[in-house]
Amino acid sequence: MKAIVFDVDDTIYEQQVVFDQACRDVFGELKGKKLILNKSLLSEEDISDFEVESDLKVYYNIPPVNDKKDNSNIILPLLEKLGYVKSVESEEPKRKNRLFDFFK
């Protein structure tokens, strides 16, 4: 797994050309890979704009989380999507239909 981190300082305008070229290089490397945004405050509209402009597909968006609280509602869907854990619904044993079950 490879992580690429951008920390963009918007006050540095003279390096815009260098930054644009770096983005093109990095976005080219990310084509066809699972892109997970971590600590992202982007809305669904912002993400769709990003996907159009970068020609990439965002696999999952993780908002900032508080380490002192239960974050399973944010992390578990990602782990299920990646295949590391089974969904809660699939863990329940499925009953086979029996012939006389309709009498119960």
C-alpha atoms as a PDB file:
ATOM      1  CA  MET A   1       0.000   0.000   0.000  1.00  0.00           C
ATOM      2  CA  LYS A   2       1.342   3.407  -0.950  1.00  0.00           C
ATOM      3  CA  ALA A   3       0.357   6.693   0.649  1.00  0.00           C
ATOM      4  CA  ILE A   4       0.883  10.044  -1.002  1.00  0.00           C
ATOM      5  CA  VAL A   5       0.336  13.064   1.216  1.00  0.00           C
ATOM      6  CA  PHE A   6      -0.233  16.604   0.016  1.00  0.00           C
ATOM      7  CA  ASP A   7      -0.040  19.533   2.369  1.00  0.00           C
ATOM      8  CA  VAL A   8      -0.867  22.505   0.204  1.00  0.00           C
ATOM      9  CA  ASP A   9       0.020  26.025   1.255  1.00  0.00           C
ATOM     10  CA  ASP A  10      -2.140  28.362  -0.831  1.00  0.00           C
ATOM     11  CA  THR A  11       0.064  31.367  -0.097  1.00  0.00           C
ATOM     12  CA  ILE A  12       2.867  30.139  -2.361  1.00  0.00           C
ATOM     13  CA  TYR A  13       1.674  31.256  -5.793  1.00  0.00           C
ATOM     14  CA  GLU A  14       5.062  31.405  -7.506  1.00  0.00           C
ATOM     15  CA  GLN A  15       5.405  27.632  -7.258  1.00  0.00           C
ATOM     16  CA  GLN A  16       2.036  26.974  -8.912  1.00  0.00           C
ATOM     17  CA  VAL A  17       3.591  25.577 -12.112  1.00  0.00           C
ATOM     18  CA  VAL A  18       5.802  23.182 -10.152  1.00  0.00           C
ATOM     19  CA  PHE A  19       2.806  22.062  -8.077  1.00  0.00           C
ATOM     20  CA  ASP A  20       0.644  21.553 -11.179  1.00  0.00           C
ATOM     21  CA  GLN A  21       3.306  19.323 -12.744  1.00  0.00           C
ATOM     22  CA  ALA A  22       3.692  17.342  -9.509  1.00  0.00           C
ATOM     23  CA  CYS A  23      -0.084  16.803  -9.378  1.00  0.00           C
ATOM     24  CA  ARG A  24      -0.134  15.519 -12.959  1.00  0.00           C
ATOM     25  CA  ASP A  25       2.695  13.106 -12.176  1.00  0.00           C
ATOM     26  CA  VAL A  26       1.077  11.825  -8.984  1.00  0.00           C
ATOM     27  CA  PHE A  27      -2.422  11.591 -10.474  1.00  0.00           C
ATOM     28  CA  GLY A  28      -0.962   9.575 -13.343  1.00  0.00           C
ATOM     29  CA  GLU A  29       0.474   7.097 -10.830  1.00  0.00           C
ATOM     30  CA  LEU A  30      -2.898   6.791  -9.080  1.00  0.00           C
ATOM     31  CA  LYS A  31      -4.934   5.880 -12.161  1.00  0.00           C
ATOM     32  CA  GLY A  32      -6.771   2.595 -11.625  1.00  0.00           C
ATOM     33  CA  LYS A  33      -5.899   2.403  -7.916  1.00  0.00           C
ATOM     34  CA  LYS A  34      -8.168   2.651  -4.870  1.00  0.00           C
ATOM     35  CA  LEU A  35      -8.043   6.269  -3.750  1.00  0.00           C
ATOM     36  CA  ILE A  36      -9.039   6.766  -0.104  1.00  0.00           C
ATOM     37  CA  LEU A  37      -9.268  10.310   1.193  1.00  0.00           C
ATOM     38  CA  ASN A  38      -8.237  10.505   4.851  1.00  0.00           C
ATOM     39  CA  LYS A  39      -9.184  13.381   7.195  1.00  0.00           C
ATOM     40  CA  SER A  40     -11.183  14.871   4.359  1.00  0.00           C
ATOM     41  CA  LEU A  41     -13.710  17.640   4.878  1.00  0.00           C
ATOM     42  CA  LEU A  42     -14.896  17.441   1.278  1.00  0.00           C
ATOM     43  CA  SER A  43     -18.611  17.225   0.566  1.00  0.00           C
ATOM     44  CA  GLU A  44     -20.034  14.796  -1.991  1.00  0.00           C
ATOM     45  CA  GLU A  45     -20.212  17.662  -4.489  1.00  0.00           C
ATOM     46  CA  ASP A  46     -16.551  18.565  -3.865  1.00  0.00           C
ATOM     47  CA  ILE A  47     -15.551  14.931  -4.325  1.00  0.00           C
ATOM     48  CA  SER A  48     -17.415  14.664  -7.618  1.00  0.00           C
ATOM     49  CA  ASP A  49     -15.703  17.878  -8.807  1.00  0.00           C
ATOM     50  CA  PHE A  50     -12.330  16.452  -7.755  1.00  0.00           C
ATOM     51  CA  GLU A  51     -13.042  13.223  -9.649  1.00  0.00           C
ATOM     52  CA  VAL A  52     -13.883  15.135 -12.818  1.00  0.00           C
ATOM     53  CA  GLU A  53     -10.871  17.459 -12.599  1.00  0.00           C
ATOM     54  CA  SER A  54      -8.332  14.792 -11.660  1.00  0.00           C
ATOM     55  CA  ASP A  55      -9.819  11.984 -13.795  1.00  0.00           C
ATOM     56  CA  LEU A  56      -9.620   9.697 -10.739  1.00  0.00           C
ATOM     57  CA  LYS A  57     -12.278   7.760  -8.854  1.00  0.00           C
ATOM     58  CA  VAL A  58     -12.476   8.174  -5.061  1.00  0.00           C
ATOM     59  CA  TYR A  59     -12.941   4.771  -3.444  1.00  0.00           C
ATOM     60  CA  TYR A  60     -13.792   6.013   0.063  1.00  0.00           C
ATOM     61  CA  ASN A  61     -13.830   9.280   1.982  1.00  0.00           C
ATOM     62  CA  ILE A  62     -12.847   9.228   5.672  1.00  0.00           C
ATOM     63  CA  PRO A  63     -13.725  12.388   7.614  1.00  0.00           C
ATOM     64  CA  PRO A  64     -11.614  13.536  10.580  1.00  0.00           C
ATOM     65  CA  VAL A  65     -12.279  11.211  13.519  1.00  0.00           C
ATOM     66  CA  ASN A  66     -11.946  11.644  17.249  1.00  0.00           C
ATOM     67  CA  ASP A  67      -9.625   9.004  18.731  1.00  0.00           C
ATOM     68  CA  LYS A  68     -11.440   9.133  22.043  1.00  0.00           C
ATOM     69  CA  LYS A  69     -14.836   8.179  20.573  1.00  0.00           C
ATOM     70  CA  ASP A  70     -16.163   5.064  18.888  1.00  0.00           C
ATOM     71  CA  ASN A  71     -15.536   5.496  15.155  1.00  0.00           C
ATOM     72  CA  SER A  72     -16.692   2.082  14.039  1.00  0.00           C
ATOM     73  CA  ASN A  73     -19.550   3.587  12.007  1.00  0.00           C
ATOM     74  CA  ILE A  74     -16.925   5.324   9.841  1.00  0.00           C
ATOM     75  CA  ILE A  75     -14.195   2.676   9.688  1.00  0.00           C
ATOM     76  CA  LEU A  76     -16.250  -0.543   9.405  1.00  0.00           C
ATOM     77  CA  PRO A  77     -17.860   0.312   6.047  1.00  0.00           C
ATOM     78  CA  LEU A  78     -14.379   0.863   4.589  1.00  0.00           C
ATOM     79  CA  LEU A  79     -13.093  -2.431   5.995  1.00  0.00           C
ATOM     80  CA  GLU A  80     -16.165  -4.222   4.604  1.00  0.00           C
ATOM     81  CA  LYS A  81     -15.677  -2.614   1.211  1.00  0.00           C
ATOM     82  CA  LEU A  82     -12.007  -3.666   1.196  1.00  0.00           C
ATOM     83  CA  GLY A  83     -12.982  -7.200   2.217  1.00  0.00           C
ATOM     84  CA  TYR A  84     -11.178  -7.296   5.574  1.00  0.00           C
ATOM     85  CA  VAL A  85     -14.345  -7.923   7.601  1.00  0.00           C
ATOM     86  CA  LYS A  86     -17.687  -9.434   6.757  1.00  0.00           C
ATOM     87  CA  SER A  87     -20.780  -7.326   7.058  1.00  0.00           C
ATOM     88  CA  VAL A  88     -22.855  -7.767  10.183  1.00  0.00           C
ATOM     89  CA  GLU A  89     -25.862  -8.995   8.184  1.00  0.00           C
ATOM     90  CA  SER A  90     -23.866 -11.782   6.534  1.00  0.00           C
ATOM     91  CA  GLU A  91     -22.575 -13.080   9.895  1.00  0.00           C
ATOM     92  CA  GLU A  92     -26.050 -14.139  10.993  1.00  0.00           C
ATOM     93  CA  PRO A  93     -26.624 -17.805  10.221  1.00  0.00           C
ATOM     94  CA  LYS A  94     -29.201 -18.318   7.522  1.00  0.00           C
ATOM     95  CA  ARG A  95     -31.952 -20.728   8.421  1.00  0.00           C
ATOM     96  CA  LYS A  96     -32.941 -23.286   5.905  1.00  0.00           C
ATOM     97  CA  ASN A  97     -36.615 -23.394   5.150  1.00  0.00           C
ATOM     98  CA  ARG A  98     -38.084 -26.565   6.505  1.00  0.00           C
ATOM     99  CA  LEU A  99     -41.237 -28.270   5.411  1.00  0.00           C
ATOM    100  CA  PHE A 100     -43.288 -27.521   8.549  1.00  0.00           C
ATOM    101  CA  ASP A 101     -41.944 -24.008   9.364  1.00  0.00           C
ATOM    102  CA  PHE A 102     -45.198 -22.392   8.281  1.00  0.00           C
ATOM    103  CA  PHE A 103     -46.965 -23.989  11.323  1.00  0.00           C
ATOM    104  CA  LYS A 104     -44.900 -21.910  13.750  1.00  0.00           C
END
